[in-house]
């Protein structure tokens, strides 16, 4: 018996095991994202009232992407209720764009060889990438940029008028160093 015949026999419209990636798995998104969790879920998710940094790593297929999607889903629900107790989520799950910009600094054979390029990538380069993501998100939300989508963020802009002079200065300094928005002209921002 073929797989499709088996599924048809039991009245199953699509193969629930067809997708290997949680981002495209409709069964996971429809039935598992809210209530089915990895055994270490409580340890990783923690308490949104006391947020902490979480790093998830593991082999291919161990549930990293699924857990990340679940964290964002649950934090989106959390952020919908208390407007003054939101959690700021910075998802650093793809450093290829940062690595591409880093690669532009090199020339010749060092630029072509990924292993040599990665030898030059340091902890502070990761820190700059995270700051770039966080500051760009912060500035987008302060300016009310609608085109930008950020994980677990509410749709309304952050109240920029509530910042005191020192906080506004700090945001402008961070924006000058780390804002990497492609949605608008940097001078206009």
C-alpha atoms as a PDB file:
ATOM      1  CA  UNK A   1       0.000   0.000   0.000  1.00  0.00           C
ATOM      2  CA  UNK A   2       1.327   3.439  -0.943  1.00  0.00           C
ATOM      3  CA  UNK A   3       1.377   6.303   1.582  1.00  0.00           C
ATOM      4  CA  UNK A   4      -1.336   8.278  -0.240  1.00  0.00           C
ATOM      5  CA  UNK A   5      -3.581   5.205  -0.357  1.00  0.00           C
ATOM      6  CA  UNK A   6      -3.126   4.752   3.387  1.00  0.00           C
ATOM      7  CA  UNK A   7      -3.961   8.396   4.052  1.00  0.00           C
ATOM      8  CA  UNK A   8      -7.007   8.265   1.745  1.00  0.00           C
ATOM      9  CA  UNK A   9      -8.221   5.064   3.418  1.00  0.00           C
ATOM     10  CA  UNK A  10      -8.227   6.789   6.822  1.00  0.00           C
ATOM     11  CA  UNK A  11      -9.686  10.058   5.506  1.00  0.00           C
ATOM     12  CA  UNK A  12      -6.521  12.088   6.055  1.00  0.00           C
ATOM     13  CA  UNK A  13      -6.299  14.949   3.569  1.00  0.00           C
ATOM     14  CA  UNK A  14      -2.538  15.514   3.708  1.00  0.00           C
ATOM     15  CA  UNK A  15       0.507  13.692   5.033  1.00  0.00           C
ATOM     16  CA  UNK A  16       1.140  15.038   8.571  1.00  0.00           C
ATOM     17  CA  UNK A  17       4.796  13.954   8.320  1.00  0.00           C
ATOM     18  CA  UNK A  18       5.556  15.630   4.976  1.00  0.00           C
ATOM     19  CA  UNK A  19       7.180  18.768   6.406  1.00  0.00           C
ATOM     20  CA  UNK A  20      10.498  18.539   8.195  1.00  0.00           C
ATOM     21  CA  UNK A  21      10.760  22.219   9.095  1.00  0.00           C
ATOM     22  CA  UNK A  22       8.533  23.772  11.759  1.00  0.00           C
ATOM     23  CA  UNK A  23       8.284  27.035   9.784  1.00  0.00           C
ATOM     24  CA  UNK A  24       6.369  25.294   6.994  1.00  0.00           C
ATOM     25  CA  UNK A  25       4.693  22.526   9.003  1.00  0.00           C
ATOM     26  CA  UNK A  26       0.954  23.256   8.961  1.00  0.00           C
ATOM     27  CA  UNK A  27       0.191  20.417  11.396  1.00  0.00           C
ATOM     28  CA  UNK A  28       2.602  21.916  13.942  1.00  0.00           C
ATOM     29  CA  UNK A  29       1.215  25.431  13.479  1.00  0.00           C
ATOM     30  CA  UNK A  30      -2.419  24.318  13.661  1.00  0.00           C
ATOM     31  CA  UNK A  31      -2.283  21.813  16.489  1.00  0.00           C
ATOM     32  CA  UNK A  32       0.982  21.900  18.399  1.00  0.00           C
ATOM     33  CA  UNK A  33       2.337  25.444  18.665  1.00  0.00           C
ATOM     34  CA  UNK A  34       0.152  26.352  21.638  1.00  0.00           C
ATOM     35  CA  UNK A  35      -0.036  23.219  23.785  1.00  0.00           C
ATOM     36  CA  UNK A  36       2.612  20.658  22.761  1.00  0.00           C
ATOM     37  CA  UNK A  37       6.047  21.506  24.107  1.00  0.00           C
ATOM     38  CA  UNK A  38       9.582  20.171  24.250  1.00  0.00           C
ATOM     39  CA  UNK A  39      10.415  18.501  27.597  1.00  0.00           C
ATOM     40  CA  UNK A  40      12.667  21.451  28.533  1.00  0.00           C
ATOM     41  CA  UNK A  41      10.031  24.064  27.620  1.00  0.00           C
ATOM     42  CA  UNK A  42       9.553  25.484  31.120  1.00  0.00           C
ATOM     43  CA  UNK A  43      13.291  25.913  31.583  1.00  0.00           C
ATOM     44  CA  UNK A  44      13.763  27.621  28.206  1.00  0.00           C
ATOM     45  CA  UNK A  45      10.610  29.789  28.211  1.00  0.00           C
ATOM     46  CA  UNK A  46      10.935  30.837  31.821  1.00  0.00           C
ATOM     47  CA  UNK A  47       8.766  33.631  33.201  1.00  0.00           C
ATOM     48  CA  UNK A  48       7.979  36.640  30.975  1.00  0.00           C
ATOM     49  CA  UNK A  49       7.612  38.766  34.109  1.00  0.00           C
ATOM     50  CA  UNK A  50      11.334  38.189  34.697  1.00  0.00           C
ATOM     51  CA  UNK A  51      12.782  37.826  31.170  1.00  0.00           C
ATOM     52  CA  UNK A  52      16.190  36.306  30.570  1.00  0.00           C
ATOM     53  CA  UNK A  53      18.389  35.462  27.623  1.00  0.00           C
ATOM     54  CA  UNK A  54      17.796  32.061  26.067  1.00  0.00           C
ATOM     55  CA  UNK A  55      20.097  30.243  23.665  1.00  0.00           C
ATOM     56  CA  UNK A  56      18.699  27.138  21.981  1.00  0.00           C
ATOM     57  CA  UNK A  57      21.043  24.841  20.081  1.00  0.00           C
ATOM     58  CA  UNK A  58      20.985  21.238  18.956  1.00  0.00           C
ATOM     59  CA  UNK A  59      21.208  18.885  16.013  1.00  0.00           C
ATOM     60  CA  UNK A  60      19.064  19.197  12.908  1.00  0.00           C
ATOM     61  CA  UNK A  61      15.538  18.045  13.665  1.00  0.00           C
ATOM     62  CA  UNK A  62      15.817  18.391  17.439  1.00  0.00           C
ATOM     63  CA  UNK A  63      13.125  21.098  17.622  1.00  0.00           C
ATOM     64  CA  UNK A  64      15.082  24.371  17.690  1.00  0.00           C
ATOM     65  CA  UNK A  65      12.907  26.146  15.114  1.00  0.00           C
ATOM     66  CA  UNK A  66       9.716  24.779  16.652  1.00  0.00           C
ATOM     67  CA  UNK A  67      10.756  25.997  20.091  1.00  0.00           C
ATOM     68  CA  UNK A  68      11.649  29.427  18.719  1.00  0.00           C
ATOM     69  CA  UNK A  69       8.264  29.716  17.007  1.00  0.00           C
ATOM     70  CA  UNK A  70       6.539  28.663  20.235  1.00  0.00           C
ATOM     71  CA  UNK A  71       8.462  31.218  22.297  1.00  0.00           C
ATOM     72  CA  UNK A  72       7.474  34.022  19.920  1.00  0.00           C
ATOM     73  CA  UNK A  73       3.852  32.784  19.837  1.00  0.00           C
ATOM     74  CA  UNK A  74       3.570  32.708  23.634  1.00  0.00           C
ATOM     75  CA  UNK A  75       5.336  36.062  24.053  1.00  0.00           C
ATOM     76  CA  UNK A  76       2.992  37.598  21.476  1.00  0.00           C
ATOM     77  CA  UNK A  77       0.081  36.469  23.672  1.00  0.00           C
ATOM     78  CA  UNK A  78       1.882  37.797  26.759  1.00  0.00           C
ATOM     79  CA  UNK A  79       2.597  41.175  25.139  1.00  0.00           C
ATOM     80  CA  UNK A  80      -1.052  41.603  24.097  1.00  0.00           C
ATOM     81  CA  UNK A  81      -2.270  41.958  27.691  1.00  0.00           C
ATOM     82  CA  UNK A  82      -0.125  44.224  29.885  1.00  0.00           C
ATOM     83  CA  UNK A  83       0.824  47.279  27.814  1.00  0.00           C
ATOM     84  CA  UNK A  84       3.424  48.388  30.357  1.00  0.00           C
ATOM     85  CA  UNK A  85       5.069  44.971  30.867  1.00  0.00           C
ATOM     86  CA  UNK A  86       5.984  43.849  27.365  1.00  0.00           C
ATOM     87  CA  UNK A  87       8.938  41.611  26.597  1.00  0.00           C
ATOM     88  CA  UNK A  88      11.325  42.858  23.902  1.00  0.00           C
ATOM     89  CA  UNK A  89      12.282  39.936  21.654  1.00  0.00           C
ATOM     90  CA  UNK A  90      15.413  39.976  19.522  1.00  0.00           C
ATOM     91  CA  UNK A  91      15.576  36.882  17.327  1.00  0.00           C
ATOM     92  CA  UNK A  92      19.167  36.299  16.213  1.00  0.00           C
ATOM     93  CA  UNK A  93      18.664  33.146  14.216  1.00  0.00           C
ATOM     94  CA  UNK A  94      20.308  34.044  10.920  1.00  0.00           C
ATOM     95  CA  UNK A  95      23.667  35.765  10.889  1.00  0.00           C
ATOM     96  CA  UNK A  96      24.258  35.280   7.154  1.00  0.00           C
ATOM     97  CA  UNK A  97      23.342  38.908   6.289  1.00  0.00           C
ATOM     98  CA  UNK A  98      25.835  40.108   8.904  1.00  0.00           C
ATOM     99  CA  UNK A  99      28.448  37.672   7.662  1.00  0.00           C
ATOM    100  CA  UNK A 100      27.917  38.929   4.090  1.00  0.00           C
ATOM    101  CA  UNK A 101      28.609  42.513   5.218  1.00  0.00           C
ATOM    102  CA  UNK A 102      31.620  41.286   7.177  1.00  0.00           C
ATOM    103  CA  UNK A 103      32.899  39.509   4.046  1.00  0.00           C
ATOM    104  CA  UNK A 104      32.849  42.799   2.091  1.00  0.00           C
ATOM    105  CA  UNK A 105      35.735  44.038   4.269  1.00  0.00           C
ATOM    106  CA  UNK A 106      38.065  41.364   2.933  1.00  0.00           C
ATOM    107  CA  UNK A 107      39.623  40.873  -0.476  1.00  0.00           C
ATOM    108  CA  UNK A 108      41.125  38.059  -2.501  1.00  0.00           C
ATOM    109  CA  UNK A 109      41.204  34.471  -1.320  1.00  0.00           C
ATOM    110  CA  UNK A 110      40.281  35.311   2.283  1.00  0.00           C
ATOM    111  CA  UNK A 111      37.001  36.697   0.998  1.00  0.00           C
ATOM    112  CA  UNK A 112      36.123  33.533  -0.934  1.00  0.00           C
ATOM    113  CA  UNK A 113      37.015  30.989   1.757  1.00  0.00           C
ATOM    114  CA  UNK A 114      34.223  30.799   4.323  1.00  0.00           C
ATOM    115  CA  UNK A 115      36.388  28.941   6.837  1.00  0.00           C
ATOM    116  CA  UNK A 116      38.983  31.739   6.835  1.00  0.00           C
ATOM    117  CA  UNK A 117      36.270  34.340   7.067  1.00  0.00           C
ATOM    118  CA  UNK A 118      34.705  32.618  10.085  1.00  0.00           C
ATOM    119  CA  UNK A 119      38.121  32.512  11.776  1.00  0.00           C
ATOM    120  CA  UNK A 120      38.010  36.316  11.819  1.00  0.00           C
ATOM    121  CA  UNK A 121      34.407  36.512  13.181  1.00  0.00           C
ATOM    122  CA  UNK A 122      34.554  37.283  16.905  1.00  0.00           C
ATOM    123  CA  UNK A 123      32.196  37.556  19.863  1.00  0.00           C
ATOM    124  CA  UNK A 124      31.940  41.328  19.446  1.00  0.00           C
ATOM    125  CA  UNK A 125      30.769  40.811  15.870  1.00  0.00           C
ATOM    126  CA  UNK A 126      27.869  38.756  17.231  1.00  0.00           C
ATOM    127  CA  UNK A 127      27.218  41.473  19.812  1.00  0.00           C
ATOM    128  CA  UNK A 128      27.137  44.115  17.074  1.00  0.00           C
ATOM    129  CA  UNK A 129      24.689  41.981  15.078  1.00  0.00           C
ATOM    130  CA  UNK A 130      22.348  41.588  18.059  1.00  0.00           C
ATOM    131  CA  UNK A 131      22.569  45.315  18.824  1.00  0.00           C
ATOM    132  CA  UNK A 132      21.832  46.091  15.185  1.00  0.00           C
ATOM    133  CA  UNK A 133      18.697  43.937  15.250  1.00  0.00           C
ATOM    134  CA  UNK A 134      17.548  45.345  18.601  1.00  0.00           C
ATOM    135  CA  UNK A 135      18.176  49.015  17.805  1.00  0.00           C
ATOM    136  CA  UNK A 136      16.582  48.757  14.354  1.00  0.00           C
ATOM    137  CA  UNK A 137      13.507  47.197  15.959  1.00  0.00           C
ATOM    138  CA  UNK A 138      13.434  49.867  18.678  1.00  0.00           C
ATOM    139  CA  UNK A 139      13.683  52.739  16.189  1.00  0.00           C
ATOM    140  CA  UNK A 140      11.054  51.129  13.914  1.00  0.00           C
ATOM    141  CA  UNK A 141       8.674  50.864  16.840  1.00  0.00           C
ATOM    142  CA  UNK A 142       9.390  54.382  18.125  1.00  0.00           C
ATOM    143  CA  UNK A 143       8.726  55.801  14.647  1.00  0.00           C
ATOM    144  CA  UNK A 144       5.670  53.580  14.090  1.00  0.00           C
ATOM    145  CA  UNK A 145       7.035  51.967  10.911  1.00  0.00           C
ATOM    146  CA  UNK A 146       4.196  49.710   9.733  1.00  0.00           C
ATOM    147  CA  UNK A 147       6.155  47.751   7.107  1.00  0.00           C
ATOM    148  CA  UNK A 148       8.522  46.286   9.698  1.00  0.00           C
ATOM    149  CA  UNK A 149       7.556  43.026  11.399  1.00  0.00           C
ATOM    150  CA  UNK A 150       9.277  42.151  14.627  1.00  0.00           C
ATOM    151  CA  UNK A 151       8.784  39.029  16.753  1.00  0.00           C
ATOM    152  CA  UNK A 152       6.153  39.321  19.517  1.00  0.00           C
ATOM    153  CA  UNK A 153       5.865  43.102  19.045  1.00  0.00           C
ATOM    154  CA  UNK A 154       2.549  44.879  19.357  1.00  0.00           C
ATOM    155  CA  UNK A 155       1.299  46.833  16.358  1.00  0.00           C
ATOM    156  CA  UNK A 156       1.133  50.255  18.013  1.00  0.00           C
ATOM    157  CA  UNK A 157       4.263  52.402  18.191  1.00  0.00           C
ATOM    158  CA  UNK A 158       6.179  52.813  21.426  1.00  0.00           C
ATOM    159  CA  UNK A 159       5.490  56.129  23.212  1.00  0.00           C
ATOM    160  CA  UNK A 160       8.529  58.180  22.148  1.00  0.00           C
ATOM    161  CA  UNK A 161       7.144  61.216  24.001  1.00  0.00           C
ATOM    162  CA  UNK A 162       7.555  59.390  27.312  1.00  0.00           C
ATOM    163  CA  UNK A 163      11.359  59.384  26.951  1.00  0.00           C
ATOM    164  CA  UNK A 164      13.275  62.004  28.900  1.00  0.00           C
ATOM    165  CA  UNK A 165      16.076  64.039  27.287  1.00  0.00           C
ATOM    166  CA  UNK A 166      18.801  61.580  28.322  1.00  0.00           C
ATOM    167  CA  UNK A 167      16.887  58.600  26.964  1.00  0.00           C
ATOM    168  CA  UNK A 168      16.235  60.390  23.655  1.00  0.00           C
ATOM    169  CA  UNK A 169      19.951  61.180  23.391  1.00  0.00           C
ATOM    170  CA  UNK A 170      20.841  57.543  24.087  1.00  0.00           C
ATOM    171  CA  UNK A 171      18.376  56.270  21.463  1.00  0.00           C
ATOM    172  CA  UNK A 172      19.764  58.700  18.885  1.00  0.00           C
ATOM    173  CA  UNK A 173      23.330  57.607  19.654  1.00  0.00           C
ATOM    174  CA  UNK A 174      22.388  53.929  19.387  1.00  0.00           C
ATOM    175  CA  UNK A 175      20.512  54.634  16.143  1.00  0.00           C
ATOM    176  CA  UNK A 176      23.525  56.436  14.672  1.00  0.00           C
ATOM    177  CA  UNK A 177      25.705  53.393  15.400  1.00  0.00           C
ATOM    178  CA  UNK A 178      23.370  50.438  14.928  1.00  0.00           C
ATOM    179  CA  UNK A 179      20.175  51.296  13.032  1.00  0.00           C
ATOM    180  CA  UNK A 180      20.228  49.225   9.834  1.00  0.00           C
ATOM    181  CA  UNK A 181      16.723  49.782   8.533  1.00  0.00           C
ATOM    182  CA  UNK A 182      16.156  49.328   4.829  1.00  0.00           C
ATOM    183  CA  UNK A 183      12.592  50.681   5.059  1.00  0.00           C
ATOM    184  CA  UNK A 184      13.541  54.357   5.145  1.00  0.00           C
ATOM    185  CA  UNK A 185      16.298  56.811   4.381  1.00  0.00           C
ATOM    186  CA  UNK A 186      18.735  56.952   7.360  1.00  0.00           C
ATOM    187  CA  UNK A 187      18.666  60.773   7.409  1.00  0.00           C
ATOM    188  CA  UNK A 188      14.852  60.798   7.620  1.00  0.00           C
ATOM    189  CA  UNK A 189      14.914  58.317  10.479  1.00  0.00           C
END
